[in-house]
Amino acid sequence: LVDRILMFVRGAFGDIDDELVLTVPVEAFDHYIDWLREAAIRRFPGGISIIDEATACMLGYSDEVLDNEPYGIVDFGGGTLDVSIVRTDLRSASHARCRILGRAGEEIGGIMIDNWLLEHIQKEQALGDEDIASIGPSLLEAVEAAKIAISNGSPEASFTRFNDVTGRLIAVTLTAATLQAVLETKREPGMNNLYQHIVRTLDRALDQARDRAGIRKEELKGIFLVGGSSLLPGIEQKIREYFPGTEVHAGRPFEAIARGACRFSGGVIDQTLTHDYCLRSWNRELRDFELVPVVPRGTPYPTGKPVCSKYIKAASDVQEVLGLVIYERTLMSRPLISYVNGADGLRPVKEGERMASRHKALNPEDSEFIHAVPPCRSGDRRFIAGFGVDKNRRLTLWLRDTEPGNQSTIRLRDGSILPLPVADLPVVKL
């Protein structure tokens, strides 16, 4: 994808290799951000910056905002719903700035809604899992096209698909009322419909803005609505009902983020975390593992230095290898779906997959990455680990060995070995 974009840009404008700005969802995990950045580095020789899509949206509408005022951004696209509450600073000498006051996101978007519509068609047409496996991808494409047509104002959209395995012709007519009913259907977990999920996400972002800056929703000077899913029936109306008396800007659903990314180039944005970074720790009272935050959500980044330090102790004598299990935790609650894409097309979701995980291990392949030389003694507070966040929104590790004359190292995921101490090392590299 990066190759194709660069090929298009160079064909239109020549070799422009100064800076590439990548946009990511508000709730993107470290592994995705690191993968995207590494993919771009392999293809692009210039500087690479990363900005979340909600903030890019704000910059894309910068000609319609006032200085030093709070605004809300609702970005509802194909994969995620992202909400940011920001305060503008247009007086900067060289670039407009945004300060993030509150953020929230959900893993809900156009792709999930297509899946819900497919479930509706399956029930209406009495289709079996075999039908979905054989023509499901084709049905999803048709469903998406019908959804877009209705979102653009058509009262209904029809399509047919032929299952050459069973010899059955499937004819479907989706109406605006059907789409609205699907969006209003309550689903696990929590038995919320789409509109209720949107309200919950808005509440979370505003709660954070209130706690950090004392901002209430009545004080917002405007709401900026972007993303293709913002055109779905009832979405803009729900946003206007949630923010009565506040101006809602919805005229640039597809271009505001790209405009903002261009305006961000070389700029400065005060950003804060939407996830907690946690260590897995044994709770003696509960006799179970629990996640203990070391860098909590709401922390401004980049931190530049550790914001939290922990001792790492050996569990036994002559212990040569130690480590940590480090997690990234979100508050997202992903609604249930019935089908996912597999190697052979669509397949039913397995029971164990029905609840999407709210936390992901940053170093799942190698939780024991510290190699102690000389070996540790049981109970010794041998290592000190510090945690911060870099400009690319990745958790970073500072680590040193307190043993005089030590030759301790850490082993990275790619097999390379680094001597201690280390500083500002992305944890996703472990």
Protein backbone atom coordinates (compact mmCIF):
# COMPACT_ATOMS: atom_id res chain seq x y z
CA LEU A 1 0.00 0.00 0.00
CA VAL A 2 2.81 2.43 0.87
CA ASP A 3 4.47 1.56 -2.45
CA ARG A 4 1.28 2.33 -4.37
CA ILE A 5 0.73 5.65 -2.61
CA LEU A 6 4.32 6.77 -3.16
CA MET A 7 4.18 5.69 -6.80
CA PHE A 8 1.05 7.81 -7.30
CA VAL A 9 2.54 10.85 -5.55
CA ARG A 10 5.84 10.66 -7.39
CA GLY A 11 4.04 10.24 -10.70
CA ALA A 12 2.02 13.38 -10.04
CA PHE A 13 4.55 15.58 -8.26
CA GLY A 14 7.99 14.05 -8.82
CA ASP A 15 10.40 12.84 -6.12
CA ILE A 16 9.03 14.46 -2.96
CA ASP A 17 10.67 12.55 -0.12
CA ASP A 18 10.75 15.12 2.70
CA GLU A 19 8.19 13.71 5.11
CA LEU A 20 5.50 11.03 5.25
CA VAL A 21 2.65 11.52 7.74
CA LEU A 22 0.76 8.35 8.74
CA THR A 23 -2.61 8.45 10.47
CA VAL A 24 -3.75 5.79 12.96
CA PRO A 25 -6.97 5.21 14.94
CA VAL A 26 -7.16 6.72 18.42
CA GLU A 27 -7.30 3.22 19.97
CA ALA A 28 -4.54 1.67 17.81
CA PHE A 29 -2.30 -0.76 19.71
CA ASP A 30 1.50 -0.51 19.82
CA HIS A 31 2.00 -3.55 17.58
CA TYR A 32 -0.02 -1.98 14.76
CA ILE A 33 1.70 1.41 15.07
CA ASP A 34 5.14 -0.21 15.09
CA TRP A 35 4.30 -2.44 12.11
CA LEU A 36 3.01 0.53 10.11
CA ARG A 37 6.05 2.63 10.93
CA GLU A 38 8.50 -0.16 10.06
CA ALA A 39 6.69 -0.84 6.76
CA ALA A 40 6.97 2.84 5.86
CA ILE A 41 10.65 3.05 6.85
CA ARG A 42 11.48 0.24 4.43
CA ARG A 43 9.87 2.16 1.56
CA PHE A 44 10.34 5.84 2.36
CA PRO A 45 13.72 7.58 2.75
CA GLY A 46 12.45 10.78 4.40
CA GLY A 47 11.10 11.58 7.84
CA ILE A 48 8.05 9.69 9.14
CA SER A 49 5.48 11.14 11.54
CA ILE A 50 2.42 9.52 13.09
CA ILE A 51 -0.77 11.32 14.12
CA ASP A 52 -4.08 9.93 15.32
CA GLU A 53 -6.95 10.35 12.89
CA ALA A 54 -9.19 12.35 15.20
CA THR A 55 -6.54 15.02 15.70
CA ALA A 56 -5.80 15.07 11.97
CA CYS A 57 -9.50 15.73 11.44
CA MET A 58 -9.30 18.77 13.70
CA LEU A 59 -6.40 20.17 11.72
CA GLY A 60 -8.32 19.47 8.51
CA TYR A 61 -11.03 21.83 9.72
CA SER A 62 -8.58 24.41 11.12
CA ASP A 63 -10.01 27.18 8.93
CA GLU A 64 -13.31 26.86 10.84
CA VAL A 65 -12.02 26.95 14.43
CA LEU A 66 -11.29 29.70 16.95
CA ASP A 67 -8.13 30.08 18.98
CA ASN A 68 -7.83 28.57 22.48
CA GLU A 69 -11.27 26.96 22.39
CA PRO A 70 -12.40 23.36 23.02
CA TYR A 71 -13.82 21.25 20.17
CA GLY A 72 -14.94 17.67 19.68
CA ILE A 73 -14.00 15.31 16.83
CA VAL A 74 -16.01 12.20 15.95
CA ASP A 75 -14.29 9.96 13.39
CA PHE A 76 -16.49 7.03 12.38
CA GLY A 77 -14.87 5.04 9.58
CA GLY A 78 -14.53 1.52 8.28
CA GLY A 79 -12.88 -0.06 11.31
CA THR A 80 -13.17 2.19 14.35
CA LEU A 81 -15.12 4.91 16.10
CA ASP A 82 -12.72 7.52 17.51
CA VAL A 83 -13.60 10.56 19.62
CA SER A 84 -11.24 13.33 20.72
CA ILE A 85 -11.80 16.49 22.75
CA VAL A 86 -9.13 19.09 21.96
CA ARG A 87 -8.19 22.68 22.68
CA THR A 88 -6.73 24.74 19.86
CA ASP A 89 -3.63 26.95 19.92
CA LEU A 90 -3.42 28.95 16.71
CA ARG A 91 -0.90 31.47 18.02
CA SER A 92 2.15 29.22 17.59
CA ALA A 93 4.77 31.01 15.51
CA SER A 94 5.07 28.34 12.83
CA HIS A 95 2.30 25.74 13.24
CA ALA A 96 -1.17 25.44 14.69
CA ARG A 97 -1.25 23.19 17.74
CA CYS A 98 -3.83 21.00 19.40
CA ARG A 99 -3.86 19.88 23.00
CA ILE A 100 -5.70 16.62 23.58
CA LEU A 101 -8.03 16.89 26.58
CA GLY A 102 -9.88 13.60 26.25
CA ARG A 103 -9.99 10.56 23.99
CA ALA A 104 -11.98 7.38 23.55
CA GLY A 105 -12.52 4.78 20.86
CA GLU A 106 -14.41 1.61 20.01
CA GLU A 107 -13.69 -1.16 17.52
CA ILE A 108 -16.90 -0.44 15.64
CA GLY A 109 -17.09 0.67 12.01
CA GLY A 110 -18.43 0.01 8.56
CA ILE A 111 -16.90 -3.47 8.37
CA MET A 112 -18.74 -4.59 11.49
CA ILE A 113 -22.01 -3.08 10.25
CA ASP A 114 -21.60 -5.03 6.98
CA ASN A 115 -21.31 -8.16 9.12
CA TRP A 116 -24.51 -7.28 10.99
CA LEU A 117 -26.34 -6.79 7.69
CA LEU A 118 -25.05 -10.17 6.51
CA GLU A 119 -26.46 -11.76 9.68
CA HIS A 120 -29.82 -10.11 8.91
CA ILE A 121 -29.80 -11.49 5.35
CA GLN A 122 -28.83 -14.94 6.59
CA LYS A 123 -31.87 -15.06 8.89
CA GLU A 124 -34.21 -13.53 6.31
CA GLN A 125 -33.10 -15.90 3.53
CA ALA A 126 -32.58 -18.94 5.82
CA LEU A 127 -28.97 -19.31 4.66
CA GLY A 128 -26.75 -21.92 6.25
CA ASP A 129 -23.10 -21.61 7.21
CA GLU A 130 -22.25 -23.48 3.99
CA ASP A 131 -23.90 -20.71 1.94
CA ILE A 132 -22.00 -18.05 3.86
CA ALA A 133 -18.71 -19.90 3.42
CA SER A 134 -19.13 -20.18 -0.36
CA ILE A 135 -20.64 -16.81 -1.31
CA GLY A 136 -20.21 -14.79 1.91
CA PRO A 137 -17.38 -12.58 0.59
CA SER A 138 -19.41 -11.76 -2.52
CA LEU A 139 -22.46 -11.02 -0.36
CA LEU A 140 -20.39 -8.73 1.87
CA GLU A 141 -19.25 -6.71 -1.15
CA ALA A 142 -22.86 -6.33 -2.29
CA VAL A 143 -24.01 -5.47 1.23
CA GLU A 144 -21.37 -2.74 1.52
CA ALA A 145 -22.42 -1.23 -1.81
CA ALA A 146 -26.09 -1.29 -0.75
CA LYS A 147 -25.26 0.30 2.61
CA ILE A 148 -23.32 3.09 0.90
CA ALA A 149 -26.17 3.73 -1.55
CA ILE A 150 -28.67 4.05 1.30
CA SER A 151 -26.27 6.24 3.31
CA ASN A 152 -26.07 8.54 0.27
CA GLY A 153 -29.84 8.97 0.20
CA SER A 154 -31.31 6.06 -1.77
CA PRO A 155 -34.48 4.67 -0.13
CA GLU A 156 -33.45 1.09 -0.98
CA ALA A 157 -30.85 -1.01 -2.80
CA SER A 158 -31.22 -4.45 -4.41
CA PHE A 159 -28.76 -7.11 -5.54
CA THR A 160 -28.62 -10.79 -6.47
CA ARG A 161 -25.98 -13.44 -5.96
CA PHE A 162 -25.89 -17.00 -7.36
CA ASN A 163 -24.54 -19.91 -5.34
CA ASP A 164 -23.14 -22.26 -7.99
CA VAL A 165 -22.58 -24.94 -5.34
CA THR A 166 -26.26 -25.22 -4.36
CA GLY A 167 -27.77 -23.73 -7.53
CA ARG A 168 -29.66 -21.15 -5.48
CA LEU A 169 -30.25 -17.55 -6.58
CA ILE A 170 -30.28 -15.15 -3.64
CA ALA A 171 -32.17 -11.88 -4.23
CA VAL A 172 -31.94 -9.17 -1.56
CA THR A 173 -33.55 -5.76 -1.15
CA LEU A 174 -32.23 -3.58 1.66
CA THR A 175 -34.24 -0.53 2.65
CA ALA A 176 -33.35 2.48 4.76
CA ALA A 177 -35.76 1.18 7.41
CA THR A 178 -34.01 -2.22 7.44
CA LEU A 179 -30.61 -0.59 7.85
CA GLN A 180 -31.94 1.59 10.67
CA ALA A 181 -33.42 -1.46 12.41
CA VAL A 182 -30.09 -3.32 12.19
CA LEU A 183 -28.30 -0.32 13.72
CA GLU A 184 -30.88 -0.20 16.53
CA THR A 185 -30.51 -3.91 17.38
CA LYS A 186 -29.00 -4.44 20.84
CA ARG A 187 -26.02 -6.80 20.98
CA GLU A 188 -23.69 -8.44 23.45
CA PRO A 189 -21.67 -7.51 25.41
CA GLY A 190 -23.77 -5.04 27.36
CA MET A 191 -26.84 -5.24 25.11
CA ASN A 192 -26.19 -1.87 23.46
CA ASN A 193 -27.13 -0.84 19.94
CA LEU A 194 -24.88 1.18 17.65
CA TYR A 195 -26.24 4.54 18.75
CA GLN A 196 -25.77 3.63 22.42
CA HIS A 197 -22.16 2.61 21.71
CA ILE A 198 -21.60 6.04 20.16
CA VAL A 199 -23.05 7.77 23.22
CA ARG A 200 -20.90 5.66 25.58
CA THR A 201 -17.78 6.57 23.61
CA LEU A 202 -18.68 10.27 23.68
CA ASP A 203 -19.27 10.00 27.44
CA ARG A 204 -15.83 8.45 28.01
CA ALA A 205 -14.00 11.12 26.03
CA LEU A 206 -15.88 13.92 27.78
CA ASP A 207 -15.32 12.36 31.21
CA GLN A 208 -11.59 12.41 30.54
CA ALA A 209 -11.73 16.04 29.33
CA ARG A 210 -13.66 17.02 32.46
CA ASP A 211 -11.19 15.26 34.75
CA ARG A 212 -8.11 16.71 33.02
CA ALA A 213 -9.28 20.22 32.14
CA GLY A 214 -12.70 20.81 33.70
CA ILE A 215 -14.34 20.92 30.26
CA ARG A 216 -18.08 20.16 30.00
CA LYS A 217 -19.82 19.27 26.77
CA GLU A 218 -21.84 22.50 26.85
CA GLU A 219 -18.57 24.43 26.51
CA LEU A 220 -17.51 22.84 23.21
CA LYS A 221 -17.52 25.39 20.39
CA GLY A 222 -18.11 22.86 17.64
CA ILE A 223 -18.20 19.18 16.68
CA PHE A 224 -16.44 17.86 13.58
CA LEU A 225 -17.89 14.67 12.10
CA VAL A 226 -15.84 12.62 9.61
CA GLY A 227 -15.52 9.11 8.18
CA GLY A 228 -17.73 7.22 5.76
CA SER A 229 -19.81 5.61 8.52
CA SER A 230 -20.82 9.08 9.75
CA LEU A 231 -23.16 9.15 6.72
CA LEU A 232 -25.19 6.19 8.04
CA PRO A 233 -28.86 6.90 8.84
CA GLY A 234 -29.32 8.55 12.20
CA ILE A 235 -25.65 9.15 13.03
CA GLU A 236 -25.52 12.90 12.42
CA GLN A 237 -28.92 13.27 14.09
CA LYS A 238 -27.68 11.41 17.19
CA ILE A 239 -24.60 13.65 17.40
CA ARG A 240 -26.77 16.77 17.12
CA GLU A 241 -29.10 15.45 19.84
CA TYR A 242 -26.13 14.73 22.11
CA PHE A 243 -24.73 18.24 21.60
CA PRO A 244 -27.85 20.46 21.48
CA GLY A 245 -27.02 24.04 20.56
CA THR A 246 -23.48 23.17 19.41
CA GLU A 247 -22.58 23.59 15.74
CA VAL A 248 -21.88 20.25 14.01
CA HIS A 249 -19.59 20.32 10.94
CA ALA A 250 -20.16 17.33 8.65
CA GLY A 251 -19.19 18.64 5.22
CA ARG A 252 -15.82 16.89 4.79
CA PRO A 253 -16.35 13.25 5.77
CA PHE A 254 -13.64 11.85 3.48
CA GLU A 255 -11.01 14.56 3.10
CA ALA A 256 -10.63 16.26 6.49
CA ILE A 257 -8.16 13.69 7.87
CA ALA A 258 -5.95 13.84 4.78
CA ARG A 259 -6.00 17.65 4.90
CA GLY A 260 -5.10 17.59 8.57
CA ALA A 261 -2.24 15.14 8.05
CA CYS A 262 -0.77 17.51 5.48
CA ARG A 263 -1.13 20.47 7.82
CA PHE A 264 0.42 18.49 10.66
CA SER A 265 3.64 17.93 8.69
CA GLY A 266 6.39 19.32 10.88
CA GLY A 267 3.90 20.53 13.48
CA VAL A 268 3.50 19.90 17.19
CA ILE A 269 0.55 18.31 18.97
CA ASP A 270 0.24 17.71 22.69
CA GLN A 271 -1.02 14.12 22.84
CA THR A 272 -2.14 11.82 25.63
CA LEU A 273 -2.49 8.06 25.97
CA THR A 274 -5.83 6.31 25.52
CA HIS A 275 -4.54 2.96 26.85
CA ASP A 276 -3.05 1.81 30.15
CA TYR A 277 0.35 0.09 30.03
CA CYS A 278 0.42 -2.59 32.71
CA LEU A 279 2.58 -5.28 34.28
CA ARG A 280 1.11 -8.66 35.12
CA SER A 281 1.58 -9.13 38.84
CA TRP A 282 0.65 -11.88 41.29
CA ASN A 283 -1.95 -10.79 43.87
CA ARG A 284 -1.34 -12.86 47.00
CA GLU A 285 -4.74 -12.04 48.53
CA LEU A 286 -6.72 -12.95 45.42
CA ARG A 287 -4.30 -15.76 44.54
CA ASP A 288 -4.43 -14.72 40.91
CA PHE A 289 -2.62 -12.54 38.40
CA GLU A 290 -3.76 -8.96 37.85
CA LEU A 291 -2.74 -6.06 35.63
CA VAL A 292 -1.08 -3.15 37.45
CA PRO A 293 -0.74 0.11 35.45
CA VAL A 294 2.79 1.51 35.14
CA VAL A 295 1.89 4.23 32.61
CA PRO A 296 -1.82 5.12 32.92
CA ARG A 297 -4.08 6.43 30.18
CA GLY A 298 -4.19 10.22 30.08
CA THR A 299 -0.38 10.49 30.37
CA PRO A 300 0.99 13.15 27.96
CA TYR A 301 3.58 11.85 25.51
CA PRO A 302 6.37 11.73 24.50
CA THR A 303 7.49 11.51 28.12
CA GLY A 304 11.21 11.99 27.40
CA LYS A 305 12.06 10.01 30.56
CA PRO A 306 10.58 7.23 32.68
CA VAL A 307 7.34 8.09 34.45
CA CYS A 308 7.41 4.96 36.61
CA SER A 309 10.14 2.61 37.89
CA LYS A 310 9.91 -0.94 39.22
CA TYR A 311 12.38 -3.38 40.75
CA ILE A 312 12.73 -6.77 39.10
CA LYS A 313 13.58 -9.49 41.61
CA ALA A 314 14.77 -13.04 41.10
CA ALA A 315 12.43 -15.84 42.18
CA SER A 316 15.18 -18.37 42.88
CA ASP A 317 18.91 -18.64 43.52
CA VAL A 318 21.30 -18.79 40.57
CA GLN A 319 18.54 -17.46 38.29
CA GLU A 320 20.04 -16.45 34.95
CA VAL A 321 16.95 -15.36 32.97
CA LEU A 322 14.29 -12.90 34.15
CA GLY A 323 11.56 -10.94 32.51
CA LEU A 324 8.28 -9.10 32.57
CA VAL A 325 4.90 -9.63 30.96
CA ILE A 326 3.83 -6.20 29.72
CA TYR A 327 0.30 -5.46 28.51
CA GLU A 328 -1.50 -2.67 26.70
CA ARG A 329 -5.07 -2.33 28.02
CA THR A 330 -8.02 -0.55 26.43
CA LEU A 331 -11.52 0.34 27.62
CA MET A 332 -13.05 -0.64 24.28
CA SER A 333 -15.95 -3.11 24.26
CA ARG A 334 -16.33 -4.75 20.85
CA PRO A 335 -19.86 -5.90 19.94
CA LEU A 336 -20.28 -9.51 18.90
CA ILE A 337 -20.31 -10.61 15.26
CA SER A 338 -21.17 -13.98 13.72
CA TYR A 339 -18.57 -14.36 10.95
CA VAL A 340 -14.89 -13.58 10.41
CA ASN A 341 -12.64 -13.89 7.39
CA GLY A 342 -10.62 -17.10 7.37
CA ALA A 343 -8.23 -18.74 4.93
CA ASP A 344 -11.18 -20.34 3.08
CA GLY A 345 -13.53 -17.34 3.14
CA LEU A 346 -16.03 -16.42 5.84
CA ARG A 347 -16.41 -18.79 8.76
CA PRO A 348 -18.54 -18.71 11.92
CA VAL A 349 -16.94 -17.08 14.94
CA LYS A 350 -15.71 -19.66 17.43
CA GLU A 351 -17.06 -19.51 20.96
CA GLY A 352 -13.68 -18.48 22.36
CA GLU A 353 -13.50 -15.58 19.92
CA ARG A 354 -16.84 -14.04 20.85
CA MET A 355 -15.39 -11.71 23.45
CA ALA A 356 -12.66 -9.55 21.94
CA SER A 357 -9.74 -9.09 24.31
CA ARG A 358 -9.38 -5.72 25.97
CA HIS A 359 -5.66 -6.17 26.56
CA LYS A 360 -2.77 -7.35 24.44
CA ALA A 361 0.67 -8.51 25.49
CA LEU A 362 3.42 -6.38 23.97
CA ASN A 363 6.03 -9.13 24.32
CA PRO A 364 4.06 -12.40 24.03
CA GLU A 365 6.84 -14.37 22.36
CA ASP A 366 9.55 -13.66 24.92
CA SER A 367 8.47 -12.52 28.36
CA GLU A 368 11.86 -13.59 29.78
CA PHE A 369 14.30 -11.34 27.94
CA ILE A 370 16.78 -10.31 30.68
CA HIS A 371 19.95 -12.42 30.86
CA ALA A 372 21.73 -11.85 34.18
CA VAL A 373 25.52 -12.13 34.34
CA PRO A 374 26.38 -13.02 37.10
CA PRO A 375 23.24 -15.00 38.05
CA CYS A 376 20.77 -13.54 40.57
CA ARG A 377 20.10 -14.46 44.17
CA SER A 378 16.55 -15.08 45.33
CA GLY A 379 14.77 -11.91 46.47
CA ASP A 380 17.51 -9.52 45.36
CA ARG A 381 16.27 -6.25 43.85
CA ARG A 382 18.71 -6.75 41.06
CA PHE A 383 17.25 -4.78 38.13
CA ILE A 384 15.48 -1.41 37.90
CA ALA A 385 13.02 -1.01 35.03
CA GLY A 386 11.64 2.38 34.01
CA PHE A 387 8.74 2.98 31.62
CA GLY A 388 7.95 5.89 29.31
CA VAL A 389 6.29 6.57 25.95
CA ASP A 390 8.00 7.76 22.76
CA LYS A 391 6.74 10.23 20.13
CA ASN A 392 5.27 7.34 18.13
CA ARG A 393 3.01 6.39 21.09
CA ARG A 394 4.92 3.20 21.94
CA LEU A 395 5.76 2.09 25.47
CA THR A 396 9.52 2.32 26.03
CA LEU A 397 11.80 0.61 28.54
CA TRP A 398 14.77 1.84 30.56
CA LEU A 399 16.63 -1.02 32.27
CA ARG A 400 19.80 -1.24 34.35
CA ASP A 401 21.51 -3.87 36.48
CA THR A 402 22.47 -2.75 40.01
CA GLU A 403 25.17 -5.44 40.33
CA PRO A 404 28.66 -3.83 40.12
CA GLY A 405 30.76 -5.11 37.20
CA ASN A 406 27.84 -6.96 35.62
CA GLN A 407 27.75 -8.11 31.99
CA SER A 408 23.97 -8.51 31.77
CA THR A 409 22.14 -8.21 28.45
CA ILE A 410 18.66 -8.27 26.96
CA ARG A 411 17.68 -10.30 23.92
CA LEU A 412 15.39 -8.69 21.34
CA ARG A 413 12.73 -10.42 19.29
CA ASP A 414 14.91 -10.32 16.18
CA GLY A 415 17.69 -12.20 17.99
CA SER A 416 20.00 -9.25 18.57
CA ILE A 417 21.57 -8.76 21.99
CA LEU A 418 21.99 -5.42 23.78
CA PRO A 419 24.22 -4.84 26.83
CA LEU A 420 22.70 -3.10 29.84
CA PRO A 421 21.87 -0.39 30.58
CA VAL A 422 19.35 0.42 27.83
CA ALA A 423 17.19 3.53 27.49
CA ASP A 424 14.01 4.43 25.60
CA LEU A 425 13.74 1.00 23.93
CA PRO A 426 10.30 0.23 22.38
CA VAL A 427 8.82 -2.71 24.27
CA VAL A 428 7.31 -4.14 21.07
CA LYS A 429 10.89 -4.94 20.02
CA LEU A 430 11.25 -7.42 22.90
